[in-house]
Protein backbone atom coordinates (compact mmCIF):
# COMPACT_ATOMS: atom_id res chain seq x y z
CA MET A 1 -27.27 4.61 -18.72
CA ALA A 2 -29.63 6.72 -20.65
CA ILE A 3 -28.41 9.47 -22.93
CA SER A 4 -29.62 11.82 -25.57
CA GLN A 5 -28.95 10.90 -29.09
CA ASP A 6 -25.97 13.08 -29.42
CA SER A 7 -24.54 13.05 -26.22
CA ALA A 8 -22.26 9.86 -26.85
CA ILE A 9 -18.72 10.37 -26.67
CA PHE A 10 -16.04 8.27 -28.20
CA CYS A 11 -12.54 7.47 -27.42
CA ARG A 12 -10.03 7.37 -30.29
CA GLN A 13 -9.83 3.61 -31.12
CA ILE A 14 -13.18 2.32 -30.23
CA ILE A 15 -12.75 -1.37 -31.27
CA ALA A 16 -10.74 -1.49 -34.66
CA LYS A 17 -11.99 -3.51 -37.36
CA ASN A 18 -12.54 -6.77 -35.35
CA PRO A 19 -15.31 -9.23 -36.33
CA ALA A 20 -15.72 -10.26 -32.48
CA VAL A 21 -17.81 -6.96 -32.02
CA ASP A 22 -21.32 -7.16 -33.26
CA PHE A 23 -22.30 -3.39 -33.66
CA LYS A 24 -25.93 -3.89 -35.26
CA SER A 25 -27.35 -6.41 -32.48
CA ARG A 26 -25.28 -5.43 -29.22
CA PHE A 27 -25.32 -1.35 -29.46
CA SER A 28 -27.84 0.60 -28.39
CA ARG A 29 -28.20 4.74 -28.48
CA SER A 30 -31.91 4.97 -27.31
CA PRO A 31 -32.63 7.58 -24.62
CA VAL A 32 -33.55 4.92 -22.18
CA SER A 33 -30.88 2.11 -22.83
CA PRO A 34 -27.54 2.19 -21.47
CA ILE A 35 -24.57 2.45 -23.86
CA ARG A 36 -23.19 -1.65 -24.18
CA PHE A 37 -20.42 -3.11 -25.97
CA CYS A 38 -20.53 -6.82 -26.03
CA PHE A 39 -17.39 -8.78 -26.19
CA ASN A 40 -17.57 -12.29 -27.91
CA VAL A 41 -14.70 -13.99 -25.92
CA GLU A 42 -14.86 -16.91 -28.11
CA LYS A 43 -14.12 -14.98 -31.20
CA PHE A 44 -11.09 -13.13 -29.60
CA LYS A 45 -9.17 -16.68 -28.48
CA GLY A 46 -6.22 -17.28 -30.73
CA SER A 47 -5.94 -13.29 -31.23
CA ASP A 48 -2.73 -12.33 -29.74
CA LYS A 49 -3.13 -8.68 -30.29
CA PHE A 50 -6.32 -6.75 -30.41
CA LYS A 51 -7.35 -3.02 -29.99
CA ILE A 52 -9.81 -1.96 -27.56
CA GLY A 53 -11.17 1.27 -26.67
CA VAL A 54 -14.03 2.68 -24.31
CA MET A 55 -17.27 4.49 -24.93
CA ALA A 56 -18.56 6.98 -22.47
CA GLY A 57 -22.00 8.15 -22.08
CA VAL A 58 -22.89 11.58 -20.66
CA GLU A 59 -25.60 11.85 -18.55
CA VAL A 60 -27.31 14.49 -16.28
CA VAL A 61 -28.09 13.16 -12.76
CA GLY A 62 -30.39 14.84 -10.57
CA ALA A 63 -30.64 14.49 -6.53
CA LYS A 64 -33.61 12.56 -5.21
CA SER A 65 -35.48 13.73 -2.53
CA ALA A 66 -34.36 12.53 0.74
CA ALA A 67 -37.94 10.63 1.07
CA SER A 68 -37.03 8.69 -2.22
CA LEU A 69 -33.78 7.19 -0.81
CA SER A 70 -33.85 3.77 0.87
CA PRO A 71 -33.77 3.79 4.66
CA SER A 72 -31.13 1.70 4.86
CA SER A 73 -28.69 3.77 2.29
CA ASN A 74 -25.51 4.53 3.69
CA LEU A 75 -22.11 5.92 2.28
CA GLY A 76 -19.94 4.23 5.11
CA LEU A 77 -18.15 7.49 5.44
CA ASP A 78 -15.60 7.92 7.73
CA VAL A 79 -14.92 11.19 9.96
CA VAL A 80 -12.22 12.37 7.82
CA THR A 81 -13.29 11.70 4.22
CA ASP A 82 -16.66 13.02 5.31
CA ARG A 83 -15.14 16.39 6.31
CA GLU A 84 -12.37 16.95 3.80
CA PRO A 85 -13.85 16.73 0.21
CA ARG A 86 -16.34 18.95 1.37
CA GLU A 87 -13.70 21.65 2.88
CA LYS A 88 -11.06 21.03 0.18
CA GLY A 89 -12.90 19.39 -2.80
CA PHE A 90 -12.04 16.43 -4.37
CA LEU A 91 -9.23 17.38 -6.11
CA GLY A 92 -7.54 19.08 -2.97
CA LEU A 93 -7.37 15.81 -1.02
CA ARG A 94 -4.13 14.31 -0.31
CA LYS A 95 -3.33 10.85 -2.55
CA THR A 96 -0.16 9.57 -0.75
CA LYS A 97 -1.49 7.56 2.15
CA LEU A 98 0.28 7.79 5.73
CA VAL A 99 1.34 4.88 8.04
CA CYS A 100 1.94 5.63 11.74
CA THR A 101 3.97 3.12 13.97
CA ILE A 102 2.19 2.95 17.19
CA GLY A 103 4.48 2.88 20.40
CA PRO A 104 4.48 4.10 24.19
CA ALA A 105 4.49 7.75 23.05
CA CYS A 106 0.97 7.52 21.05
CA CYS A 107 -1.24 4.43 22.43
CA SER A 108 -3.69 6.43 24.48
CA GLU A 109 -7.18 6.88 22.92
CA GLU A 110 -6.40 10.28 22.48
CA ASP A 111 -3.32 10.00 21.04
CA LEU A 112 -4.77 7.77 18.46
CA GLU A 113 -7.62 9.72 17.63
CA ARG A 114 -5.53 12.73 16.98
CA LEU A 115 -3.46 10.84 14.90
CA ALA A 116 -6.51 9.59 12.67
CA LEU A 117 -7.92 13.02 12.57
CA GLY A 118 -4.50 14.30 11.14
CA GLY A 119 -4.58 11.58 8.23
CA MET A 120 -3.17 8.33 9.58
CA ASN A 121 -4.59 5.54 7.22
CA VAL A 122 -2.89 2.60 8.68
CA ALA A 123 -1.72 1.85 12.23
CA ARG A 124 1.43 -0.26 12.16
CA PHE A 125 2.19 -2.43 15.17
CA ASN A 126 6.05 -3.94 15.23
CA MET A 127 5.65 -7.04 16.99
CA GLY A 128 9.53 -7.04 17.98
CA HIS A 129 8.60 -4.44 21.07
CA ASN A 130 6.32 -4.80 23.70
CA THR A 131 4.30 -7.63 24.64
CA ARG A 132 1.35 -9.34 22.92
CA GLU A 133 -1.15 -8.00 25.74
CA TRP A 134 0.31 -4.53 25.10
CA HIS A 135 -0.49 -5.09 21.11
CA ARG A 136 -3.89 -6.40 21.98
CA GLU A 137 -4.92 -3.63 24.19
CA VAL A 138 -3.99 -0.94 21.73
CA ILE A 139 -5.29 -2.79 18.66
CA ARG A 140 -8.61 -2.98 20.31
CA LYS A 141 -8.31 0.84 21.11
CA VAL A 142 -7.82 1.48 16.95
CA LYS A 143 -10.85 -0.64 16.28
CA ARG A 144 -13.12 1.13 18.81
CA LEU A 145 -12.26 4.30 17.35
CA ASN A 146 -13.30 2.96 13.89
CA GLU A 147 -16.58 1.35 15.35
CA GLU A 148 -17.69 4.20 17.87
CA LYS A 149 -16.39 7.26 16.39
CA GLY A 150 -16.65 6.43 12.61
CA PHE A 151 -12.87 6.57 11.51
CA CYS A 152 -11.43 4.13 9.11
CA VAL A 153 -7.85 3.17 10.22
CA SER A 154 -6.16 -0.12 8.86
CA VAL A 155 -4.47 -2.16 11.45
CA MET A 156 -0.77 -3.70 10.48
CA ILE A 157 1.53 -5.93 12.31
CA ASP A 158 5.06 -6.17 11.44
CA THR A 159 6.68 -9.46 12.27
CA GLU A 160 10.21 -9.41 13.82
CA GLY A 161 11.85 -11.73 11.61
CA SER A 162 15.20 -13.47 11.78
CA GLN A 163 18.13 -11.37 11.63
CA LEU A 164 21.76 -11.02 13.13
CA GLU A 165 21.65 -8.91 16.02
CA VAL A 166 23.75 -8.05 18.98
CA ASP A 167 22.79 -6.87 22.45
CA HIS A 168 25.17 -5.46 25.28
CA GLY A 169 22.53 -5.85 27.95
CA GLU A 170 22.01 -2.46 29.04
CA PRO A 171 18.29 -0.91 28.69
CA SER A 172 19.63 1.80 26.57
CA SER A 173 22.32 2.80 24.38
CA VAL A 174 26.35 2.26 25.38
CA LYS A 175 29.04 4.57 23.76
CA ALA A 176 32.05 2.87 21.95
CA GLU A 177 34.84 4.80 22.22
CA GLU A 178 37.69 5.10 19.40
CA GLY A 179 40.43 2.44 19.91
CA SER A 180 38.21 0.65 22.56
CA ILE A 181 38.53 -3.04 22.60
CA TRP A 182 35.39 -5.09 22.50
CA TYR A 183 34.15 -8.76 22.25
CA PHE A 184 31.53 -10.13 20.15
CA THR A 185 30.41 -13.60 20.84
CA SER A 186 27.33 -16.10 20.54
CA LYS A 187 27.86 -17.56 24.10
CA LYS A 188 24.67 -16.67 26.06
CA PHE A 189 24.73 -14.90 29.49
CA ARG A 190 22.50 -12.67 31.47
CA GLY A 191 22.83 -9.07 32.47
CA CYS A 192 25.44 -6.98 30.96
CA ARG A 193 29.15 -7.23 30.99
CA PRO A 194 31.82 -4.31 30.11
CA PHE A 195 32.89 -4.34 26.62
CA ILE A 196 31.13 -7.80 25.80
CA VAL A 197 28.60 -7.98 23.30
CA GLN A 198 26.32 -11.07 22.66
CA ALA A 199 25.13 -12.18 19.40
CA ASN A 200 21.88 -13.72 19.03
CA CYS A 201 23.21 -16.50 16.36
CA GLU A 202 25.54 -19.09 16.70
CA GLY A 203 28.15 -19.28 13.96
CA PHE A 204 27.54 -15.61 13.12
CA SER A 205 31.33 -15.29 12.78
CA GLU A 206 31.64 -17.91 10.06
CA GLY A 207 33.43 -16.67 6.74
CA VAL A 208 34.74 -13.59 8.74
CA ARG A 209 38.43 -12.92 8.60
CA LEU A 210 41.12 -10.97 10.26
CA GLY A 211 40.99 -7.30 9.14
CA ASP A 212 37.29 -7.54 8.14
CA GLU A 213 35.21 -4.65 9.51
CA LEU A 214 32.15 -4.89 11.74
CA VAL A 215 29.46 -2.25 11.18
CA VAL A 216 26.69 -1.72 13.43
CA ASP A 217 23.40 -0.47 12.32
CA GLY A 218 24.81 0.74 9.02
CA GLY A 219 27.45 2.77 10.28
CA MET A 220 26.59 3.89 13.93
CA ALA A 221 29.79 2.69 14.87
CA SER A 222 32.49 0.37 13.24
CA PHE A 223 35.19 -2.12 14.34
CA LYS A 224 38.27 -3.68 13.06
CA ILE A 225 38.48 -7.72 13.53
CA LEU A 226 41.73 -8.54 15.32
CA ASP A 227 41.24 -11.75 16.40
CA LYS A 228 39.15 -14.89 16.37
CA ILE A 229 38.83 -16.72 19.79
CA GLY A 230 36.54 -19.83 19.31
CA GLU A 231 33.21 -17.98 18.00
CA ALA A 232 34.15 -14.62 19.69
CA LEU A 233 35.41 -11.62 17.65
CA ARG A 234 38.25 -9.25 19.28
CA CYS A 235 37.75 -6.04 17.80
CA LYS A 236 38.79 -2.72 18.14
CA CYS A 237 36.85 0.51 17.54
CA THR A 238 37.45 2.44 14.38
CA ASP A 239 34.60 4.69 14.19
CA PRO A 240 33.25 5.63 17.76
CA GLY A 241 29.50 5.65 18.03
CA LEU A 242 26.63 4.32 19.90
CA LEU A 243 25.44 0.57 20.16
CA LEU A 244 21.78 0.39 20.96
CA PRO A 245 19.90 -2.64 22.35
CA ARG A 246 19.67 -5.20 19.83
CA ALA A 247 21.77 -3.69 17.09
CA LYS A 248 21.92 -5.13 13.78
CA VAL A 249 25.59 -5.70 12.61
CA SER A 250 27.26 -6.61 8.95
CA PHE A 251 30.62 -7.64 8.09
CA TRP A 252 32.55 -5.74 5.26
CA ARG A 253 35.74 -6.76 3.31
CA ASP A 254 37.42 -4.32 0.78
CA GLY A 255 34.34 -2.03 0.57
CA ARG A 256 31.81 -4.98 -0.07
CA LEU A 257 29.53 -6.96 2.36
CA VAL A 258 30.55 -10.39 3.54
CA GLU A 259 27.69 -12.77 2.77
CA LYS A 260 26.62 -14.93 5.56
CA ASN A 261 27.26 -18.59 5.34
CA TYR A 262 24.45 -19.33 7.59
CA GLU A 263 20.61 -19.18 6.66
CA LEU A 264 18.05 -17.62 9.29
CA PRO A 265 14.48 -18.51 8.53
CA THR A 266 12.20 -15.82 7.37
CA LEU A 267 9.57 -16.81 9.96
CA SER A 268 10.87 -17.96 13.29
CA VAL A 269 8.69 -19.56 16.14
CA LYS A 270 7.63 -16.38 17.24
CA ASP A 271 6.64 -14.97 14.37
CA TRP A 272 4.18 -17.54 13.91
CA PHE A 273 2.85 -16.97 17.45
CA ASP A 274 2.73 -13.30 16.46
CA ILE A 275 0.85 -14.40 13.09
CA ASP A 276 -1.67 -16.19 15.23
CA PHE A 277 -2.39 -13.27 17.40
CA GLY A 278 -2.68 -11.22 14.43
CA ILE A 279 -5.61 -13.36 12.86
CA SER A 280 -7.32 -13.53 16.55
CA GLU A 281 -7.27 -9.54 16.49
CA GLY A 282 -8.81 -9.31 12.92
CA VAL A 283 -5.65 -7.38 11.66
CA ASP A 284 -5.77 -6.41 8.07
CA MET A 285 -2.38 -6.64 6.95
CA ILE A 286 0.70 -8.48 8.10
CA ALA A 287 4.20 -7.08 6.90
CA LEU A 288 6.51 -9.81 6.39
CA SER A 289 10.45 -9.05 7.55
CA PHE A 290 13.66 -10.17 6.16
CA VAL A 291 11.86 -11.88 3.09
CA ASN A 292 14.69 -13.23 0.48
CA ASP A 293 12.55 -14.83 -1.94
CA ALA A 294 8.78 -15.48 -2.84
CA ASP A 295 8.66 -19.07 -0.77
CA ALA A 296 8.00 -17.18 2.54
CA VAL A 297 5.43 -14.99 1.27
CA ASN A 298 3.43 -18.01 -0.29
CA GLN A 299 3.85 -20.13 2.82
CA LEU A 300 2.12 -17.00 4.61
CA LYS A 301 -0.47 -16.49 2.41
CA ASN A 302 -1.52 -19.94 2.10
CA TYR A 303 -1.76 -20.36 5.97
CA LEU A 304 -3.83 -17.16 6.20
CA SER A 305 -6.28 -18.67 3.66
CA SER A 306 -6.55 -21.71 5.60
CA THR A 307 -6.56 -20.16 8.99
CA SER A 308 -8.07 -16.73 8.90
CA SER A 309 -11.94 -16.22 8.11
CA LYS A 310 -11.32 -12.57 6.87
CA SER A 311 -9.14 -11.50 3.77
CA ILE A 312 -5.72 -10.64 5.35
CA ARG A 313 -2.78 -8.85 3.02
CA VAL A 314 0.73 -9.92 3.23
CA LEU A 315 3.34 -7.34 2.35
CA ALA A 316 6.76 -8.11 2.09
CA LYS A 317 9.64 -5.92 3.50
CA ILE A 318 12.75 -5.49 1.32
CA GLU A 319 15.48 -5.06 3.88
CA SER A 320 18.54 -7.23 2.50
CA SER A 321 20.73 -7.57 -0.28
CA LYS A 322 19.39 -11.22 -1.21
CA SER A 323 15.53 -9.55 -1.51
CA LEU A 324 17.05 -7.25 -4.08
CA GLN A 325 18.00 -10.28 -6.17
CA LYS A 326 14.44 -11.62 -6.46
CA LEU A 327 12.66 -8.31 -6.31
CA GLU A 328 10.12 -9.08 -9.02
CA GLU A 329 9.15 -12.51 -7.93
CA ILE A 330 8.84 -11.30 -4.00
CA VAL A 331 6.81 -8.23 -5.41
CA GLU A 332 4.63 -10.45 -7.68
CA ALA A 333 3.64 -12.91 -4.78
CA SER A 334 3.14 -10.09 -2.09
CA ASP A 335 0.00 -8.01 -1.70
CA GLY A 336 2.34 -4.94 -1.30
CA ILE A 337 5.99 -4.10 -0.48
CA MET A 338 7.64 -1.88 2.27
CA VAL A 339 11.10 -0.34 1.75
CA ALA A 340 12.97 -0.75 4.91
CA ARG A 341 15.54 1.44 4.31
CA ARG A 342 17.16 1.46 7.62
CA ASP A 343 17.81 -2.43 7.63
CA LEU A 344 18.60 -2.25 3.84
CA GLY A 345 21.17 0.52 4.46
CA VAL A 346 23.08 -2.10 6.75
CA GLU A 347 23.82 -4.27 3.79
CA ILE A 348 23.98 -1.82 1.05
CA PRO A 349 26.04 1.11 0.37
CA LEU A 350 24.35 4.13 1.41
CA GLU A 351 24.86 6.06 -2.05
CA HIS A 352 22.81 3.01 -3.54
CA ILE A 353 19.94 3.58 -1.45
CA PRO A 354 18.18 6.53 -3.48
CA ALA A 355 18.26 4.58 -6.93
CA LEU A 356 17.47 1.45 -5.31
CA GLN A 357 14.20 3.04 -3.86
CA GLN A 358 13.23 4.48 -6.96
CA LYS A 359 13.54 1.10 -8.94
CA ILE A 360 11.39 -0.64 -6.31
CA THR A 361 8.77 1.99 -6.36
CA GLN A 362 8.69 1.37 -10.24
CA VAL A 363 8.52 -2.35 -10.23
CA CYS A 364 5.56 -2.19 -7.61
CA ARG A 365 3.65 0.21 -9.74
CA GLN A 366 4.39 -1.81 -12.83
CA LEU A 367 3.12 -5.19 -11.27
CA ASN A 368 0.24 -2.97 -9.41
CA LYS A 369 1.45 -3.43 -5.98
CA PRO A 370 1.22 -0.84 -3.43
CA VAL A 371 4.58 0.62 -2.10
CA ILE A 372 5.57 1.93 1.32
CA ILE A 373 8.47 3.87 1.79
CA ALA A 374 9.66 3.66 5.65
CA SER A 375 12.58 4.51 7.92
CA GLU A 376 13.92 7.64 8.85
CA LEU A 377 11.97 9.77 6.91
CA LEU A 378 11.76 12.56 9.62
CA GLU A 379 14.35 10.89 11.99
CA SER A 380 15.55 14.28 13.96
CA MET A 381 11.50 14.89 14.97
CA ILE A 382 12.18 12.31 17.49
CA GLU A 383 13.80 14.70 19.69
CA TYR A 384 13.11 17.95 17.75
CA PRO A 385 9.62 19.81 16.79
CA THR A 386 10.65 20.53 13.29
CA PRO A 387 12.38 18.55 10.49
CA THR A 388 15.64 18.97 8.85
CA ARG A 389 15.23 20.61 5.24
CA ALA A 390 16.91 17.53 4.06
CA GLU A 391 14.21 15.33 5.61
CA VAL A 392 11.41 17.51 3.94
CA ALA A 393 13.38 17.03 0.67
CA ASP A 394 13.35 13.16 1.15
CA VAL A 395 9.97 13.18 1.75
CA SER A 396 8.83 15.07 -1.34
CA GLU A 397 11.25 12.81 -3.55
CA ALA A 398 9.14 9.95 -2.23
CA VAL A 399 5.80 11.42 -3.29
CA ARG A 400 7.27 12.47 -6.56
CA GLN A 401 8.13 9.01 -7.25
CA PHE A 402 4.39 8.19 -6.69
CA ALA A 403 4.97 5.69 -3.60
CA ASP A 404 1.59 4.82 -2.43
CA ALA A 405 2.50 5.24 1.23
CA LEU A 406 4.87 6.90 3.73
CA MET A 407 5.45 5.65 7.15
CA LEU A 408 6.62 7.00 10.22
CA SER A 409 8.63 4.62 12.55
CA GLY A 410 10.63 6.15 15.56
CA GLU A 411 8.84 9.63 14.99
CA SER A 412 5.30 8.33 16.05
CA ALA A 413 6.38 5.38 18.50
CA ILE A 414 8.60 6.84 21.12
CA GLY A 415 9.33 10.54 19.69
CA SER A 416 7.81 13.77 21.53
CA PHE A 417 6.56 15.28 18.32
CA GLY A 418 4.79 12.24 16.47
CA GLN A 419 1.47 14.31 15.63
CA LYS A 420 3.64 17.32 14.17
CA ALA A 421 5.89 14.79 12.16
CA LEU A 422 2.38 13.29 10.64
CA SER A 423 1.46 16.76 9.97
CA VAL A 424 4.56 17.49 8.11
CA LEU A 425 3.99 14.30 6.12
CA HIS A 426 0.37 15.61 5.04
CA THR A 427 1.50 19.14 4.28
CA THR A 428 4.62 17.97 2.37
CA SER A 429 2.71 15.53 0.44
CA SER A 430 -0.22 17.74 -0.45
CA ARG A 431 2.17 20.56 -1.67
CA MET A 432 4.41 18.02 -3.52
CA GLU A 433 1.23 16.34 -5.26
CA LEU A 434 -0.21 19.82 -6.42
CA TRP A 435 3.21 20.66 -8.19
CA SER A 436 2.88 17.15 -9.94
CA ARG A 437 -0.38 18.01 -10.97
CA GLU A 438 0.52 21.55 -12.06
CA LYS A 439 3.58 19.92 -13.89
CA ASN A 440 1.41 17.30 -15.43
CA GLN A 441 3.57 14.45 -14.22
CA HIS A 442 1.15 11.78 -13.78
CA ASN A 443 1.52 10.00 -17.18
CA GLY A 444 5.03 9.69 -17.31
CA LEU A 445 5.53 5.85 -16.88
CA HIS A 446 4.87 3.28 -19.70
CA GLN A 447 2.52 0.78 -18.03
CA ARG A 448 3.48 -2.80 -18.52
CA GLN A 449 0.46 -5.26 -19.38
CA LEU A 450 -0.05 -7.76 -16.57
CA GLY A 451 -3.20 -9.49 -17.92
CA LEU A 452 -2.59 -12.77 -19.60
CA SER A 453 -6.47 -13.72 -20.25
CA LEU A 454 -8.90 -11.61 -22.33
CA ALA A 455 -10.75 -10.72 -19.28
CA GLU A 456 -7.86 -9.34 -17.76
CA LYS A 457 -6.42 -7.54 -20.62
CA ILE A 458 -9.94 -5.87 -20.67
CA ALA A 459 -9.88 -4.54 -17.22
CA GLU A 460 -6.53 -3.09 -17.49
CA GLN A 461 -7.45 -1.11 -20.95
CA ILE A 462 -10.67 -0.04 -19.28
CA CYS A 463 -8.69 1.37 -16.50
CA ASN A 464 -5.95 2.79 -18.70
CA CYS A 465 -8.72 4.80 -20.85
CA ALA A 466 -10.74 5.73 -17.78
CA VAL A 467 -7.72 7.72 -16.41
CA GLU A 468 -6.68 9.36 -19.84
CA MET A 469 -10.42 10.61 -20.19
CA ALA A 470 -10.68 11.63 -16.39
CA ASN A 471 -7.53 13.89 -16.91
CA ASN A 472 -8.37 15.23 -20.04
CA LEU A 473 -12.15 16.05 -19.01
CA SER A 474 -10.68 17.32 -15.80
CA VAL A 475 -13.48 15.72 -13.75
CA GLN A 476 -13.86 15.88 -10.10
CA ALA A 477 -13.49 12.24 -9.16
CA ILE A 478 -13.39 8.89 -10.66
CA PHE A 479 -15.83 6.40 -9.03
CA VAL A 480 -15.55 2.64 -8.92
CA TYR A 481 -17.61 0.08 -7.77
CA THR A 482 -15.72 -3.05 -6.64
CA ARG A 483 -15.82 -5.88 -4.52
CA GLN A 484 -12.43 -7.15 -4.58
CA GLY A 485 -10.82 -3.92 -5.26
CA HIS A 486 -8.85 -4.87 -8.16
CA MET A 487 -10.27 -2.38 -10.77
CA ALA A 488 -9.47 0.54 -8.09
CA SER A 489 -6.08 -0.64 -7.79
CA LEU A 490 -5.56 -0.65 -11.71
CA LEU A 491 -6.86 3.08 -11.63
CA SER A 492 -4.59 3.90 -8.74
CA ARG A 493 -1.55 2.25 -10.82
CA ASN A 494 -2.28 5.14 -13.50
CA ARG A 495 -1.79 8.06 -11.19
CA PRO A 496 -4.77 10.09 -12.06
CA CYS A 497 -5.18 13.78 -11.35
CA PRO A 498 -8.62 13.28 -9.67
CA PRO A 499 -9.02 11.18 -6.51
CA ILE A 500 -10.56 7.69 -6.89
CA VAL A 501 -13.78 7.17 -4.83
CA ALA A 502 -14.16 3.12 -4.50
CA PHE A 503 -17.24 1.92 -3.31
CA THR A 504 -17.10 -1.78 -1.91
CA ASN A 505 -19.52 -3.91 0.22
CA ASP A 506 -16.45 -5.90 1.70
CA ALA A 507 -14.88 -4.57 4.77
CA SER A 508 -11.53 -6.33 3.96
CA THR A 509 -11.45 -4.83 0.59
CA ARG A 510 -12.18 -1.42 2.13
CA MET A 511 -9.18 -1.79 4.50
CA ALA A 512 -6.65 -3.01 2.04
CA LEU A 513 -7.65 -0.13 -0.16
CA ASN A 514 -6.53 2.28 2.63
CA LEU A 515 -2.84 1.72 1.44
CA GLN A 516 -3.50 2.54 -2.42
CA TRP A 517 -2.38 5.71 -3.58
CA GLY A 518 -5.33 8.30 -4.29
CA VAL A 519 -8.15 5.83 -3.48
CA MET A 520 -10.85 6.85 -1.04
CA PRO A 521 -12.63 3.54 -0.09
CA PHE A 522 -16.36 3.67 0.98
CA LEU A 523 -18.25 1.06 2.47
CA VAL A 524 -21.67 0.69 1.00
CA ASP A 525 -24.57 -1.93 0.17
CA LEU A 526 -24.12 -3.11 -3.19
CA SER A 527 -26.97 -4.55 -5.35
CA ASP A 528 -27.19 -6.36 -8.25
CA ASP A 529 -28.46 -3.56 -10.16
CA ALA A 530 -25.12 -1.31 -10.91
CA GLU A 531 -27.21 1.53 -12.38
CA ALA A 532 -29.33 1.61 -9.22
CA ASP A 533 -26.03 1.67 -7.18
CA ILE A 534 -24.71 4.50 -9.27
CA SER A 535 -27.40 6.74 -8.97
CA THR A 536 -28.06 6.03 -5.32
CA THR A 537 -24.33 6.92 -4.12
CA ILE A 538 -24.23 10.16 -6.36
CA ASP A 539 -27.51 10.90 -4.86
CA LEU A 540 -26.25 10.47 -1.09
CA MET A 541 -22.72 11.91 -1.68
CA LYS A 542 -24.80 15.25 -3.20
CA THR A 543 -26.86 15.27 -0.04
CA LYS A 544 -23.92 15.33 2.26
CA GLY A 545 -22.49 17.98 -0.04
CA MET A 546 -19.60 16.19 -1.31
CA VAL A 547 -20.29 16.70 -4.92
CA LYS A 548 -22.70 19.64 -6.21
CA GLU A 549 -24.36 21.10 -9.41
CA GLY A 550 -22.01 21.29 -12.07
CA ASP A 551 -19.41 18.93 -10.95
CA ALA A 552 -18.77 15.81 -13.37
CA VAL A 553 -17.55 12.40 -12.44
CA LEU A 554 -16.42 9.42 -14.35
CA VAL A 555 -17.81 6.04 -13.55
CA VAL A 556 -16.31 2.37 -14.05
CA SER A 557 -17.32 -0.62 -12.43
CA ASP A 558 -16.45 -4.14 -11.98
CA VAL A 559 -19.38 -5.41 -9.89
CA ILE A 560 -21.00 -8.25 -11.39
CA PRO A 561 -24.75 -9.69 -10.20
CA SER A 562 -24.21 -12.46 -7.41
CA SER A 563 -26.23 -14.84 -9.74
CA GLN A 564 -23.09 -14.78 -11.89
CA SER A 565 -21.19 -16.22 -8.71
CA ASN A 566 -20.14 -19.19 -11.08
CA VAL A 567 -18.18 -17.01 -13.15
CA SER A 568 -14.41 -17.33 -13.03
CA PHE A 569 -12.28 -15.09 -10.55
CA SER A 570 -10.56 -13.47 -13.77
CA ASP A 571 -13.82 -12.41 -15.01
CA LYS A 572 -15.18 -11.07 -11.83
CA LEU A 573 -12.38 -8.55 -12.02
CA PHE A 574 -13.83 -6.76 -15.23
CA GLN A 575 -17.45 -7.70 -15.69
CA SER A 576 -19.81 -4.86 -14.93
CA LYS A 577 -22.93 -6.39 -16.43
CA VAL A 578 -23.97 -9.34 -18.35
CA ILE A 579 -26.43 -8.64 -21.10
CA PRO A 580 -29.07 -11.10 -20.98
CA SER A 581 -29.66 -11.55 -24.36
CA CYS A 582 -25.91 -12.46 -25.18
CA ALA A 583 -24.45 -15.75 -24.80
CA THR A 584 -22.58 -16.46 -21.38
CA ALA A 585 -19.24 -15.73 -22.93
CA ASP A 586 -20.31 -12.24 -23.58
CA VAL A 587 -19.34 -9.69 -21.23
CA ILE A 588 -19.52 -5.45 -21.44
CA GLN A 589 -17.62 -2.98 -19.53
CA SER A 590 -18.69 0.91 -19.98
CA ILE A 591 -17.10 4.11 -18.55
CA GLN A 592 -19.85 6.63 -18.04
CA VAL A 593 -19.37 10.38 -17.36
CA LYS A 594 -21.95 11.76 -15.10
CA ASN A 595 -22.52 15.44 -15.07
CA ILE A 596 -24.38 16.46 -11.68
CA ALA A 597 -27.44 18.50 -12.09
């Protein structure tokens, strides 16, 4: 990066008195040379503590003429990100991502396109509903939207999972009146029988005592257990309410959950068929239901790595009391987390849900994993065109906690006002993000150091410093050039004020970044010349009107030349260039501030 003699900007501690940094032979400030830091990894070894800072150069960048650009140059813009930055400016963009569950109410191509235009980043398909043929048809509609109409909507399937459910056999809900007597049994039968409910698991009543409470769907209806007849339970309705098809049940004693004496597998036989279906259809993410520990996550990730030719991310759903006991190990093993509040509320007292949501969100941010807040965000909009004020406050709180994404479930899948519900999420998120920016709330969480190796520590420090600089200098955007998406995720973890524009040449990485807070992923052709990539993309963005004269952007990169393919994966996560004159262990990283001329 070329800079003038007096245009270098230094962060506060560049590198404090460390012999591993050779300033005389490794640092250049000539008008035609890029700013360089060369870190000798060998000299750092054995040192547990080191200080690292970043030097940035300011460069005035002018647009090349259209004729000077490569004919194959392409920003890989989608319809929404091509329009919104020009209309609202980068700082006016929504950063919280939006996930919509696709169901019968929104499965036509016209409905899907309206959702995509309304801000849907991820289309979620619940494999517990509808047939695989239906899912195949609608998933291909989403992919056609991406390919033919220029959208960038990721596809997620959600496994059904193994859980204790009961079913009364009716296609719709059944009302349980106060004082009525019901039988819950694991005996199999077809059709429906009055006041008899079938459980999907043998031994479901083990460990249950007379006088215990059977709670349906976290409180939709409650029953007192009067008698045990074999494996059947004779119960009296104490809190009248609706019994939905395939309702979830839990047992309570003296205000505490009765632990189950049987263990259901996280992945059922059906789930494995659904996973193979997802692989064949080229989905981008799989959400794993009822995860109790990291083993199931690792099992699925190993299966995907050996079976799928594309990179599919695995998200774990937190929806049981057991998952909370091993929360950190589940988060570390996963590529992301979904907080399934409805099912979690079946096993956890309702008053505990808000604090647990905040805890899970913070753990995910500390461990650099995206988190989706799901279930009942705008539940009333399944039937009504406007939400309750309490629901809007709930959405705002999730945004204030800096959750990566919000998810519509029944609101979009079966509701009459799915597009209006999506609009509520969009406008509420944008307004809350503006409030947070005005109140300077973005730097309130102390970041845990994740890296163990020097390479990983440098990557984290670079991103921490880059976000601090971007906020202090009020740049319009942070540009990051990434193949794996790791550096973009580290920037996102710091929740900067300006959006993060991620340029990648990997389609799977682009789709995964659709779930990261504040990241706008663009698919581009990246070369071995990082400086050329930076100049070309900035020129193209200026040509499209996304940046203009006088704008300032901050640039970081984790792209290395393909000739360095023998470098370890951890090194690939932070290297931006290898200085030819340095030893192979010497790598650099820089932050550049570009002023658009």
